[in-house]
C-alpha atoms as a PDB file:
ATOM      1  CA  MET A   1       6.863 111.256-162.874  1.00  0.00           C
ATOM      2  CA  PRO A   2       9.471 114.050-163.015  1.00  0.00           C
ATOM      3  CA  VAL A   3      10.812 115.151-159.677  1.00  0.00           C
ATOM      4  CA  THR A   4      13.164 118.052-159.206  1.00  0.00           C
ATOM      5  CA  SER A   5      15.788 117.650-156.517  1.00  0.00           C
ATOM      6  CA  GLN A   6      18.300 120.231-155.348  1.00  0.00           C
ATOM      7  CA  GLY A   7      20.149 119.361-152.176  1.00  0.00           C
ATOM      8  CA  ASP A   8      17.683 118.987-149.333  1.00  0.00           C
ATOM      9  CA  VAL A   9      14.756 120.531-151.270  1.00  0.00           C
ATOM     10  CA  THR A  10      12.468 118.312-153.284  1.00  0.00           C
ATOM     11  CA  GLY A  11       9.253 119.435-154.894  1.00  0.00           C
ATOM     12  CA  MET A  12       6.916 118.819-157.748  1.00  0.00           C
ATOM     13  CA  THR A  13       5.445 121.505-159.958  1.00  0.00           C
ATOM     14  CA  GLN A  14       2.653 120.935-162.456  1.00  0.00           C
ATOM     15  CA  THR A  15       3.363 117.217-162.624  1.00  0.00           C
ATOM     16  CA  GLY A  16       0.870 115.569-164.939  1.00  0.00           C
ATOM     17  CA  VAL A  17      -0.970 112.612-163.416  1.00  0.00           C
ATOM     18  CA  GLY A  18      -3.988 111.196-165.199  1.00  0.00           C
ATOM     19  CA  GLY A  19      -4.249 114.283-167.362  1.00  0.00           C
ATOM     20  CA  LYS A  20      -4.326 116.581-164.310  1.00  0.00           C
ATOM     21  CA  PHE A  21      -1.685 118.734-162.687  1.00  0.00           C
ATOM     22  CA  CYS A  22      -0.526 118.472-159.094  1.00  0.00           C
ATOM     23  CA  ARG A  23       0.811 121.702-157.641  1.00  0.00           C
ATOM     24  CA  PHE A  24       3.172 121.730-154.678  1.00  0.00           C
ATOM     25  CA  ARG A  25       5.209 124.254-152.798  1.00  0.00           C
ATOM     26  CA  HIS A  26       8.818 123.402-152.096  1.00  0.00           C
ATOM     27  CA  VAL A  27       9.430 121.917-148.670  1.00  0.00           C
ATOM     28  CA  ASP A  28      12.380 120.373-146.898  1.00  0.00           C
ATOM     29  CA  VAL A  29      12.337 116.619-147.433  1.00  0.00           C
ATOM     30  CA  PRO A  30      14.311 114.282-145.143  1.00  0.00           C
ATOM     31  CA  SER A  31      16.602 111.903-146.969  1.00  0.00           C
ATOM     32  CA  VAL A  32      14.794 108.869-145.524  1.00  0.00           C
ATOM     33  CA  SER A  33      11.771 109.560-147.763  1.00  0.00           C
ATOM     34  CA  MET A  34      13.569 110.400-150.974  1.00  0.00           C
ATOM     35  CA  ASN A  35      12.894 106.996-152.549  1.00  0.00           C
ATOM     36  CA  TRP A  36       9.220 106.923-151.603  1.00  0.00           C
ATOM     37  CA  GLU A  37       8.100 110.507-152.042  1.00  0.00           C
ATOM     38  CA  PRO A  38       7.395 110.426-155.819  1.00  0.00           C
ATOM     39  CA  ILE A  39       5.445 107.180-155.466  1.00  0.00           C
ATOM     40  CA  LEU A  40       3.363 108.461-152.558  1.00  0.00           C
ATOM     41  CA  VAL A  41       2.733 111.782-154.292  1.00  0.00           C
ATOM     42  CA  GLU A  42       1.609 110.064-157.472  1.00  0.00           C
ATOM     43  CA  ARG A  43      -0.874 107.941-155.534  1.00  0.00           C
ATOM     44  CA  ALA A  44      -2.207 111.024-153.726  1.00  0.00           C
ATOM     45  CA  CYS A  45      -2.662 112.899-157.010  1.00  0.00           C
ATOM     46  CA  ARG A  46      -4.874 110.103-158.233  1.00  0.00           C
ATOM     47  CA  ARG A  47      -7.061 110.408-155.129  1.00  0.00           C
ATOM     48  CA  HIS A  48      -7.817 114.125-154.951  1.00  0.00           C
ATOM     49  CA  HIS A  49      -4.388 114.810-153.386  1.00  0.00           C
ATOM     50  CA  LEU A  50      -5.203 112.614-150.400  1.00  0.00           C
ATOM     51  CA  LEU A  51      -3.146 109.667-149.233  1.00  0.00           C
ATOM     52  CA  HIS A  52      -4.802 106.935-147.214  1.00  0.00           C
ATOM     53  CA  ARG A  53      -2.992 104.723-144.772  1.00  0.00           C
ATOM     54  CA  SER A  54      -4.177 101.757-146.835  1.00  0.00           C
ATOM     55  CA  ASP A  55      -2.349 103.254-149.843  1.00  0.00           C
ATOM     56  CA  VAL A  56       0.899 103.170-147.893  1.00  0.00           C
ATOM     57  CA  ALA A  57       0.472  99.470-147.204  1.00  0.00           C
ATOM     58  CA  ASP A  58      -0.599  98.719-150.780  1.00  0.00           C
ATOM     59  CA  LEU A  59       2.512 100.431-152.128  1.00  0.00           C
ATOM     60  CA  GLY A  60       4.716  98.342-149.887  1.00  0.00           C
ATOM     61  CA  VAL A  61       6.221 101.135-147.813  1.00  0.00           C
ATOM     62  CA  PRO A  62       7.950  99.499-144.809  1.00  0.00           C
ATOM     63  CA  PRO A  63       6.128 100.402-141.576  1.00  0.00           C
ATOM     64  CA  ALA A  64       9.310 101.757-139.997  1.00  0.00           C
ATOM     65  CA  THR A  65       9.970 103.949-143.034  1.00  0.00           C
ATOM     66  CA  TRP A  66       6.413 105.303-143.035  1.00  0.00           C
ATOM     67  CA  HIS A  67       6.702 106.018-139.314  1.00  0.00           C
ATOM     68  CA  ARG A  68       9.820 108.126-139.943  1.00  0.00           C
ATOM     69  CA  ILE A  69       8.092 109.921-142.819  1.00  0.00           C
ATOM     70  CA  GLU A  70       5.138 110.728-140.559  1.00  0.00           C
ATOM     71  CA  GLN A  71       7.437 111.996-137.837  1.00  0.00           C
ATOM     72  CA  SER A  72       9.202 114.266-140.326  1.00  0.00           C
ATOM     73  CA  GLY A  73       5.962 116.173-141.003  1.00  0.00           C
ATOM     74  CA  LEU A  74       6.192 115.587-144.742  1.00  0.00           C
ATOM     75  CA  TRP A  75       2.649 114.170-144.758  1.00  0.00           C
ATOM     76  CA  VAL A  76       0.016 115.964-142.677  1.00  0.00           C
ATOM     77  CA  GLU A  77      -2.823 113.962-141.163  1.00  0.00           C
ATOM     78  CA  LEU A  78      -6.184 115.638-141.866  1.00  0.00           C
ATOM     79  CA  VAL A  79      -8.277 113.002-140.102  1.00  0.00           C
ATOM     80  CA  PRO A  80      -7.190 109.643-138.720  1.00  0.00           C
ATOM     81  CA  GLY A  81      -5.694 107.615-141.550  1.00  0.00           C
ATOM     82  CA  ILE A  82      -5.946 110.275-144.310  1.00  0.00           C
ATOM     83  CA  PHE A  83      -3.036 112.590-145.184  1.00  0.00           C
ATOM     84  CA  ARG A  84      -2.061 115.374-147.533  1.00  0.00           C
ATOM     85  CA  HIS A  85       1.436 116.291-148.655  1.00  0.00           C
ATOM     86  CA  ALA A  86       2.848 119.200-146.653  1.00  0.00           C
ATOM     87  CA  ALA A  87       3.540 121.036-149.915  1.00  0.00           C
ATOM     88  CA  THR A  88      -0.046 120.692-151.139  1.00  0.00           C
ATOM     89  CA  PRO A  89      -2.304 123.668-150.304  1.00  0.00           C
ATOM     90  CA  LEU A  90      -5.281 122.529-148.268  1.00  0.00           C
ATOM     91  CA  THR A  91      -8.479 123.018-150.258  1.00  0.00           C
ATOM     92  CA  PHE A  92     -12.131 122.933-149.303  1.00  0.00           C
ATOM     93  CA  ASP A  93     -12.712 119.831-151.443  1.00  0.00           C
ATOM     94  CA  MET A  94      -9.885 117.996-149.691  1.00  0.00           C
ATOM     95  CA  GLN A  95     -11.417 118.800-146.308  1.00  0.00           C
ATOM     96  CA  VAL A  96     -14.819 117.597-147.491  1.00  0.00           C
ATOM     97  CA  LEU A  97     -13.585 114.324-148.942  1.00  0.00           C
ATOM     98  CA  ALA A  98     -11.358 113.507-145.964  1.00  0.00           C
ATOM     99  CA  GLY A  99     -13.986 114.424-143.390  1.00  0.00           C
ATOM    100  CA  ALA A 100     -16.794 112.608-145.191  1.00  0.00           C
ATOM    101  CA  GLU A 101     -14.793 109.403-145.534  1.00  0.00           C
ATOM    102  CA  TRP A 102     -13.750 109.478-141.898  1.00  0.00           C
ATOM    103  CA  LEU A 103     -17.260 110.166-140.569  1.00  0.00           C
ATOM    104  CA  GLY A 104     -18.971 107.712-142.898  1.00  0.00           C
ATOM    105  CA  ALA A 105     -22.633 107.246-141.996  1.00  0.00           C
ATOM    106  CA  LYS A 106     -22.217 109.177-138.731  1.00  0.00           C
ATOM    107  CA  GLY A 107     -22.672 112.589-140.335  1.00  0.00           C
ATOM    108  CA  ALA A 108     -23.167 114.783-143.391  1.00  0.00           C
ATOM    109  CA  LEU A 109     -22.055 118.138-144.730  1.00  0.00           C
ATOM    110  CA  PHE A 110     -23.635 121.038-142.844  1.00  0.00           C
ATOM    111  CA  GLY A 111     -25.044 124.459-143.720  1.00  0.00           C
ATOM    112  CA  THR A 112     -22.927 126.625-146.011  1.00  0.00           C
ATOM    113  CA  SER A 113     -20.541 123.738-146.668  1.00  0.00           C
ATOM    114  CA  ALA A 114     -23.418 121.590-147.896  1.00  0.00           C
ATOM    115  CA  LEU A 115     -24.811 124.388-150.064  1.00  0.00           C
ATOM    116  CA  HIS A 116     -21.417 125.029-151.652  1.00  0.00           C
ATOM    117  CA  TRP A 117     -21.119 121.312-152.409  1.00  0.00           C
ATOM    118  CA  TRP A 118     -24.574 121.461-154.032  1.00  0.00           C
ATOM    119  CA  GLY A 119     -23.370 124.359-156.211  1.00  0.00           C
ATOM    120  CA  VAL A 120     -25.643 126.948-154.589  1.00  0.00           C
ATOM    121  CA  ASP A 121     -24.498 130.580-154.728  1.00  0.00           C
ATOM    122  CA  VAL A 122     -22.668 130.917-151.405  1.00  0.00           C
ATOM    123  CA  GLU A 123     -19.098 131.821-150.570  1.00  0.00           C
ATOM    124  CA  GLU A 124     -16.711 128.920-150.288  1.00  0.00           C
ATOM    125  CA  PRO A 125     -16.208 128.274-146.566  1.00  0.00           C
ATOM    126  CA  ALA A 126     -12.720 128.377-145.121  1.00  0.00           C
ATOM    127  CA  HIS A 127     -13.407 125.106-143.301  1.00  0.00           C
ATOM    128  CA  ALA A 128     -15.697 122.213-144.186  1.00  0.00           C
ATOM    129  CA  GLU A 129     -18.382 121.776-141.533  1.00  0.00           C
ATOM    130  CA  PHE A 130     -20.292 118.590-140.776  1.00  0.00           C
ATOM    131  CA  LEU A 131     -23.487 117.756-138.913  1.00  0.00           C
ATOM    132  CA  VAL A 132     -23.780 114.743-136.622  1.00  0.00           C
ATOM    133  CA  PRO A 133     -26.513 113.523-134.261  1.00  0.00           C
ATOM    134  CA  ARG A 134     -26.122 114.707-130.682  1.00  0.00           C
ATOM    135  CA  SER A 135     -25.635 111.078-129.654  1.00  0.00           C
ATOM    136  CA  THR A 136     -22.314 110.993-131.544  1.00  0.00           C
ATOM    137  CA  ARG A 137     -20.873 114.158-130.024  1.00  0.00           C
ATOM    138  CA  TRP A 138     -18.073 112.014-128.619  1.00  0.00           C
ATOM    139  CA  VAL A 139     -16.474 112.015-132.068  1.00  0.00           C
ATOM    140  CA  PRO A 140     -13.027 113.680-131.705  1.00  0.00           C
ATOM    141  CA  HIS A 141     -12.994 117.115-133.286  1.00  0.00           C
ATOM    142  CA  TRP A 142     -10.545 116.516-136.077  1.00  0.00           C
ATOM    143  CA  ILE A 143     -12.979 118.485-138.225  1.00  0.00           C
ATOM    144  CA  ASP A 144     -15.570 121.215-137.578  1.00  0.00           C
ATOM    145  CA  LEU A 145     -18.661 119.490-136.222  1.00  0.00           C
ATOM    146  CA  HIS A 146     -22.160 120.643-135.329  1.00  0.00           C
ATOM    147  CA  THR A 147     -24.498 118.424-133.338  1.00  0.00           C
ATOM    148  CA  THR A 148     -28.276 118.262-133.497  1.00  0.00           C
ATOM    149  CA  THR A 149     -31.089 116.576-131.630  1.00  0.00           C
ATOM    150  CA  ARG A 150     -33.192 116.790-134.814  1.00  0.00           C
ATOM    151  CA  TRP A 151     -31.326 114.342-136.975  1.00  0.00           C
ATOM    152  CA  ASN A 152     -33.536 113.007-139.747  1.00  0.00           C
ATOM    153  CA  PRO A 153     -31.979 110.371-142.041  1.00  0.00           C
ATOM    154  CA  ASP A 154     -34.372 111.514-144.773  1.00  0.00           C
ATOM    155  CA  ASP A 155     -32.576 114.873-144.804  1.00  0.00           C
ATOM    156  CA  VAL A 156     -29.324 113.233-145.915  1.00  0.00           C
ATOM    157  CA  VAL A 157     -28.453 112.108-149.443  1.00  0.00           C
ATOM    158  CA  ARG A 158     -25.262 111.298-151.317  1.00  0.00           C
ATOM    159  CA  HIS A 159     -24.152 113.956-153.796  1.00  0.00           C
ATOM    160  CA  ARG A 160     -20.886 113.827-155.751  1.00  0.00           C
ATOM    161  CA  GLY A 161     -19.811 110.907-153.605  1.00  0.00           C
ATOM    162  CA  VAL A 162     -20.357 112.670-150.263  1.00  0.00           C
ATOM    163  CA  ARG A 163     -23.133 112.451-147.682  1.00  0.00           C
ATOM    164  CA  VAL A 164     -24.733 115.892-147.577  1.00  0.00           C
ATOM    165  CA  THR A 165     -27.875 117.411-146.089  1.00  0.00           C
ATOM    166  CA  LEU A 166     -30.649 118.392-148.478  1.00  0.00           C
ATOM    167  CA  ALA A 167     -30.355 121.959-149.723  1.00  0.00           C
ATOM    168  CA  ALA A 168     -33.536 123.018-147.915  1.00  0.00           C
ATOM    169  CA  ARG A 169     -32.215 121.654-144.605  1.00  0.00           C
ATOM    170  CA  ALA A 170     -28.801 123.189-145.279  1.00  0.00           C
ATOM    171  CA  ILE A 171     -30.350 126.640-145.761  1.00  0.00           C
ATOM    172  CA  LEU A 172     -32.115 126.383-142.397  1.00  0.00           C
ATOM    173  CA  ASP A 173     -28.859 125.235-140.816  1.00  0.00           C
ATOM    174  CA  MET A 174     -27.042 128.123-142.478  1.00  0.00           C
ATOM    175  CA  ALA A 175     -29.576 130.531-140.946  1.00  0.00           C
ATOM    176  CA  TYR A 176     -28.614 129.215-137.504  1.00  0.00           C
ATOM    177  CA  THR A 177     -25.288 131.083-137.743  1.00  0.00           C
ATOM    178  CA  GLU A 178     -25.748 133.526-140.642  1.00  0.00           C
ATOM    179  CA  ARG A 179     -27.387 136.819-139.650  1.00  0.00           C
ATOM    180  CA  ARG A 180     -27.060 138.704-142.951  1.00  0.00           C
ATOM    181  CA  ALA A 181     -30.435 138.657-144.682  1.00  0.00           C
ATOM    182  CA  HIS A 182     -29.060 139.349-148.165  1.00  0.00           C
ATOM    183  CA  VAL A 183     -26.717 136.349-147.934  1.00  0.00           C
ATOM    184  CA  LEU A 184     -29.599 134.065-146.997  1.00  0.00           C
ATOM    185  CA  GLU A 185     -31.801 135.563-149.717  1.00  0.00           C
ATOM    186  CA  ARG A 186     -29.142 134.843-152.329  1.00  0.00           C
ATOM    187  CA  ALA A 187     -28.814 131.251-151.119  1.00  0.00           C
ATOM    188  CA  ILE A 188     -32.591 130.718-151.175  1.00  0.00           C
ATOM    189  CA  ASP A 189     -33.024 132.182-154.656  1.00  0.00           C
ATOM    190  CA  SER A 190     -30.055 130.257-156.020  1.00  0.00           C
ATOM    191  CA  ALA A 191     -31.257 126.939-154.567  1.00  0.00           C
ATOM    192  CA  ILE A 192     -34.695 127.459-156.118  1.00  0.00           C
ATOM    193  CA  ARG A 193     -33.210 128.534-159.457  1.00  0.00           C
ATOM    194  CA  LEU A 194     -30.963 125.446-159.572  1.00  0.00           C
ATOM    195  CA  ARG A 195     -33.859 123.174-158.525  1.00  0.00           C
ATOM    196  CA  ARG A 196     -31.937 122.154-155.418  1.00  0.00           C
ATOM    197  CA  ALA A 197     -34.854 123.160-153.204  1.00  0.00           C
ATOM    198  CA  SER A 198     -38.438 124.323-153.541  1.00  0.00           C
ATOM    199  CA  LEU A 199     -40.394 126.847-151.534  1.00  0.00           C
ATOM    200  CA  SER A 200     -42.582 124.083-150.090  1.00  0.00           C
ATOM    201  CA  GLN A 201     -39.508 122.147-148.957  1.00  0.00           C
ATOM    202  CA  LEU A 202     -38.136 125.241-147.244  1.00  0.00           C
ATOM    203  CA  HIS A 203     -41.415 125.760-145.398  1.00  0.00           C
ATOM    204  CA  GLN A 204     -41.463 122.098-144.364  1.00  0.00           C
ATOM    205  CA  GLN A 205     -37.929 122.324-142.985  1.00  0.00           C
ATOM    206  CA  LEU A 206     -38.784 125.533-141.143  1.00  0.00           C
ATOM    207  CA  GLU A 207     -41.731 123.873-139.430  1.00  0.00           C
ATOM    208  CA  ALA A 208     -39.691 120.780-138.592  1.00  0.00           C
ATOM    209  CA  LEU A 209     -36.759 122.690-137.077  1.00  0.00           C
ATOM    210  CA  ARG A 210     -38.351 125.711-135.436  1.00  0.00           C
ATOM    211  CA  GLY A 211     -38.485 125.660-131.674  1.00  0.00           C
ATOM    212  CA  LYS A 212     -37.118 127.185-128.507  1.00  0.00           C
ATOM    213  CA  GLY A 213     -33.444 127.997-128.836  1.00  0.00           C
ATOM    214  CA  ARG A 214     -33.344 127.520-132.600  1.00  0.00           C
ATOM    215  CA  HIS A 215     -31.726 130.663-134.008  1.00  0.00           C
ATOM    216  CA  GLY A 216     -32.579 132.009-137.442  1.00  0.00           C
ATOM    217  CA  CYS A 217     -36.131 130.672-137.763  1.00  0.00           C
ATOM    218  CA  ARG A 218     -37.799 134.066-137.355  1.00  0.00           C
ATOM    219  CA  LEU A 219     -35.536 135.605-139.996  1.00  0.00           C
ATOM    220  CA  MET A 220     -36.170 132.687-142.351  1.00  0.00           C
ATOM    221  CA  GLN A 221     -39.917 133.060-141.880  1.00  0.00           C
ATOM    222  CA  GLU A 222     -39.659 136.698-142.958  1.00  0.00           C
ATOM    223  CA  LEU A 223     -37.438 135.915-145.933  1.00  0.00           C
ATOM    224  CA  LEU A 224     -39.703 133.146-147.186  1.00  0.00           C
ATOM    225  CA  LEU A 225     -42.584 135.624-147.481  1.00  0.00           C
ATOM    226  CA  ASP A 226     -41.041 136.916-150.703  1.00  0.00           C
ATOM    227  CA  SER A 227     -39.269 133.759-151.827  1.00  0.00           C
ATOM    228  CA  GLY A 228     -40.235 131.515-154.691  1.00  0.00           C
ATOM    229  CA  GLY A 229     -38.606 133.388-157.552  1.00  0.00           C
ATOM    230  CA  GLU A 230     -35.140 132.803-158.879  1.00  0.00           C
ATOM    231  CA  SER A 231     -33.486 136.190-158.501  1.00  0.00           C
ATOM    232  CA  TYR A 232     -33.298 139.344-156.459  1.00  0.00           C
ATOM    233  CA  LEU A 233     -35.486 141.083-159.051  1.00  0.00           C
ATOM    234  CA  GLU A 234     -38.228 138.477-158.716  1.00  0.00           C
ATOM    235  CA  ARG A 235     -37.971 138.711-154.928  1.00  0.00           C
ATOM    236  CA  ARG A 236     -38.492 142.484-155.128  1.00  0.00           C
ATOM    237  CA  PHE A 237     -41.525 141.980-157.352  1.00  0.00           C
ATOM    238  CA  LEU A 238     -43.100 139.512-154.912  1.00  0.00           C
ATOM    239  CA  ARG A 239     -42.536 141.992-152.104  1.00  0.00           C
ATOM    240  CA  LEU A 240     -44.344 144.707-154.089  1.00  0.00           C
ATOM    241  CA  VAL A 241     -47.249 142.343-154.691  1.00  0.00           C
ATOM    242  CA  ARG A 242     -47.473 141.410-151.016  1.00  0.00           C
ATOM    243  CA  LEU A 243     -47.344 145.003-149.787  1.00  0.00           C
ATOM    244  CA  ALA A 244     -49.963 146.041-152.344  1.00  0.00           C
ATOM    245  CA  GLY A 245     -52.405 143.456-150.998  1.00  0.00           C
ATOM    246  CA  LEU A 246     -52.631 141.600-154.282  1.00  0.00           C
ATOM    247  CA  PRO A 247     -52.939 137.813-154.266  1.00  0.00           C
ATOM    248  CA  ARG A 248     -49.609 136.034-154.420  1.00  0.00           C
ATOM    249  CA  PRO A 249     -48.973 134.622-157.900  1.00  0.00           C
ATOM    250  CA  GLU A 250     -47.679 131.180-158.705  1.00  0.00           C
ATOM    251  CA  CYS A 251     -43.948 131.295-159.382  1.00  0.00           C
ATOM    252  CA  GLN A 252     -42.006 129.695-162.217  1.00  0.00           C
ATOM    253  CA  VAL A 253     -45.028 128.087-163.858  1.00  0.00           C
ATOM    254  CA  ILE A 254     -44.653 125.826-166.890  1.00  0.00           C
ATOM    255  CA  ILE A 255     -47.314 126.570-169.517  1.00  0.00           C
ATOM    256  CA  ARG A 256     -48.289 123.655-171.750  1.00  0.00           C
ATOM    257  CA  SER A 257     -50.534 123.186-174.758  1.00  0.00           C
ATOM    258  CA  ASP A 258     -51.777 119.704-175.657  1.00  0.00           C
ATOM    259  CA  GLY A 259     -49.112 118.280-173.388  1.00  0.00           C
ATOM    260  CA  ALA A 260     -46.279 120.171-175.092  1.00  0.00           C
ATOM    261  CA  ARG A 261     -44.296 122.733-173.147  1.00  0.00           C
ATOM    262  CA  ILE A 262     -44.592 126.293-174.425  1.00  0.00           C
ATOM    263  CA  ALA A 263     -42.684 128.249-171.799  1.00  0.00           C
ATOM    264  CA  ARG A 264     -41.853 128.640-168.139  1.00  0.00           C
ATOM    265  CA  VAL A 265     -43.111 132.021-166.964  1.00  0.00           C
ATOM    266  CA  ASP A 266     -41.985 134.044-163.968  1.00  0.00           C
ATOM    267  CA  PHE A 267     -45.436 134.592-162.455  1.00  0.00           C
ATOM    268  CA  LEU A 268     -49.009 133.538-163.128  1.00  0.00           C
ATOM    269  CA  PHE A 269     -51.940 135.402-161.543  1.00  0.00           C
ATOM    270  CA  GLY A 270     -55.101 133.370-161.653  1.00  0.00           C
ATOM    271  CA  ARG A 271     -55.359 131.432-164.877  1.00  0.00           C
ATOM    272  CA  GLN A 272     -54.746 134.104-167.477  1.00  0.00           C
ATOM    273  CA  LEU A 273     -52.358 136.865-166.413  1.00  0.00           C
ATOM    274  CA  VAL A 274     -48.652 136.214-166.971  1.00  0.00           C
ATOM    275  CA  VAL A 275     -46.105 138.645-165.554  1.00  0.00           C
ATOM    276  CA  GLU A 276     -42.468 138.596-166.588  1.00  0.00           C
ATOM    277  CA  VAL A 277     -39.725 140.606-164.927  1.00  0.00           C
ATOM    278  CA  SER A 278     -36.736 140.986-167.215  1.00  0.00           C
ATOM    279  CA  GLY A 279     -33.194 141.928-166.344  1.00  0.00           C
ATOM    280  CA  ARG A 280     -30.601 142.724-168.974  1.00  0.00           C
ATOM    281  CA  LEU A 281     -28.992 139.289-168.962  1.00  0.00           C
ATOM    282  CA  GLY A 282     -30.296 137.153-171.815  1.00  0.00           C
ATOM    283  CA  HIS A 283     -32.556 139.841-173.301  1.00  0.00           C
ATOM    284  CA  THR A 284     -30.186 142.122-175.197  1.00  0.00           C
ATOM    285  CA  SER A 285     -29.385 140.712-178.641  1.00  0.00           C
ATOM    286  CA  ASP A 286     -31.618 140.566-181.707  1.00  0.00           C
ATOM    287  CA  SER A 287     -31.913 136.788-181.328  1.00  0.00           C
ATOM    288  CA  ASP A 288     -32.903 137.197-177.670  1.00  0.00           C
ATOM    289  CA  ARG A 289     -35.613 139.694-178.543  1.00  0.00           C
ATOM    290  CA  ARG A 290     -36.858 137.525-181.410  1.00  0.00           C
ATOM    291  CA  ARG A 291     -37.068 134.519-179.110  1.00  0.00           C
ATOM    292  CA  ASP A 292     -38.894 136.561-176.467  1.00  0.00           C
ATOM    293  CA  ALA A 293     -41.380 137.867-179.049  1.00  0.00           C
ATOM    294  CA  ARG A 294     -42.168 134.378-180.343  1.00  0.00           C
ATOM    295  CA  ARG A 295     -42.575 133.114-176.819  1.00  0.00           C
ATOM    296  CA  ARG A 296     -44.935 135.965-175.980  1.00  0.00           C
ATOM    297  CA  ASN A 297     -46.981 135.313-179.124  1.00  0.00           C
ATOM    298  CA  GLU A 298     -47.341 131.630-178.250  1.00  0.00           C
ATOM    299  CA  LEU A 299     -48.549 132.496-174.760  1.00  0.00           C
ATOM    300  CA  GLN A 300     -51.074 134.988-176.127  1.00  0.00           C
ATOM    301  CA  ARG A 301     -52.266 132.417-178.649  1.00  0.00           C
ATOM    302  CA  GLU A 302     -53.211 130.268-175.652  1.00  0.00           C
ATOM    303  CA  GLY A 303     -55.445 133.070-174.373  1.00  0.00           C
ATOM    304  CA  LEU A 304     -52.992 134.413-171.790  1.00  0.00           C
ATOM    305  CA  THR A 305     -52.372 138.097-171.195  1.00  0.00           C
ATOM    306  CA  VAL A 306     -48.666 138.839-170.888  1.00  0.00           C
ATOM    307  CA  ILE A 307     -47.239 141.964-169.267  1.00  0.00           C
ATOM    308  CA  GLU A 308     -43.579 142.647-168.656  1.00  0.00           C
ATOM    309  CA  PHE A 309     -41.650 144.826-166.241  1.00  0.00           C
ATOM    310  CA  THR A 310     -37.999 145.776-166.485  1.00  0.00           C
ATOM    311  CA  THR A 311     -35.462 146.006-163.696  1.00  0.00           C
ATOM    312  CA  ALA A 312     -35.917 149.778-163.610  1.00  0.00           C
ATOM    313  CA  ASP A 313     -39.689 149.348-163.305  1.00  0.00           C
ATOM    314  CA  VAL A 314     -39.457 147.030-160.317  1.00  0.00           C
ATOM    315  CA  ILE A 315     -36.616 148.811-158.517  1.00  0.00           C
ATOM    316  CA  ASP A 316     -37.250 152.478-159.307  1.00  0.00           C
ATOM    317  CA  GLU A 317     -40.803 152.759-160.652  1.00  0.00           C
ATOM    318  CA  SER A 318     -42.850 150.681-158.227  1.00  0.00           C
ATOM    319  CA  PRO A 319     -45.922 153.006-158.506  1.00  0.00           C
ATOM    320  CA  HIS A 320     -46.078 152.176-162.235  1.00  0.00           C
ATOM    321  CA  VAL A 321     -45.851 148.457-161.474  1.00  0.00           C
ATOM    322  CA  LEU A 322     -48.614 148.664-158.873  1.00  0.00           C
ATOM    323  CA  ARG A 323     -50.923 150.754-161.094  1.00  0.00           C
ATOM    324  CA  THR A 324     -50.504 148.221-163.883  1.00  0.00           C
ATOM    325  CA  LEU A 325     -51.170 145.272-161.607  1.00  0.00           C
ATOM    326  CA  HIS A 326     -54.232 146.911-160.059  1.00  0.00           C
ATOM    327  CA  HIS A 327     -55.561 147.703-163.542  1.00  0.00           C
ATOM    328  CA  TRP A 328     -55.244 144.139-164.724  1.00  0.00           C
ATOM    329  CA  SER A 329     -56.559 142.861-161.407  1.00  0.00           C
ATOM    330  CA  SER A 330     -59.722 144.833-162.039  1.00  0.00           C
ATOM    331  CA  VAL A 331     -59.985 143.882-165.692  1.00  0.00           C
ATOM    332  CA  MET A 332     -59.477 140.191-165.038  1.00  0.00           C
ATOM    333  CA  SER A 333     -61.487 140.161-161.824  1.00  0.00           C
ATOM    334  CA  LEU A 334     -58.577 139.246-159.579  1.00  0.00           C
ATOM    335  CA  THR A 335     -59.591 139.508-155.940  1.00  0.00           C
ATOM    336  CA  THR A 336     -57.440 141.368-153.484  1.00  0.00           C
ATOM    337  CA  LYS A 337     -56.759 140.247-149.966  1.00  0.00           C
ATOM    338  CA  SER A 338     -59.062 141.627-147.361  1.00  0.00           C
END
């Protein structure tokens, strides 16, 4: 592994290890570690830029030498027994992996951190946060911890090698600290779109966690009224339907014929009325329009009525949307809520 050395400055830039690159800032390196630094860095690069105390022993670093290296500040301890090189920028993934390994079965990723690990559309947190049972609150706060009296082992699974709360539970935990409705809406819609959570799972978590002193439950209850779609546009449509007193449609329904899948539609009213709300993405080219037309023809061949609204219809022309829905409600004998 190439190492550049100039006087008392040693660093590594874009050093290939296992087909990947390790990026480091230059830092002052004490002469005592000059022989061991490249070896330790190479091992860390193979383990997500983290060095474990067991690695030091496996590599044969003399205990006295490692003690001096630690004292120099060249390797920074993230949690007991797990280090990063002082020249390596601390990333969210490094915090997650170090914290998860240290906590083991005691905890799991919490809230926004869990959702980001699931790939849900949330901002990457500055710090990885973990959830532990209230009974383990004695754990030293090397990492950001939240405690709960409502620890359910069934809410925890392993994803990408890390113990993490289910997306539905993570959204409710996120609502405990997040007050911005649009941020929560985006997380809900993204989790449903990615099949990380379902509307029924979100309702189940809300019922399980609501109670005196539990922040965010009232806001979540309001947001779930118009949840079930996969985008802001579909959320707006569901809100129009609710305010108009029309029956709530089924969301994201798979239509089959003789066991074969025909299409997944945005909304299904009753058994025959399909409603699609179409944004610009994925519906602009000739091939997109041809695919949409064939799909619509197949649905109509199965006896379904298909109507479509654009973004402009739902956002700016809600009276048109409501008139159309009321018309088809009457034609197809859909009952309105009393």
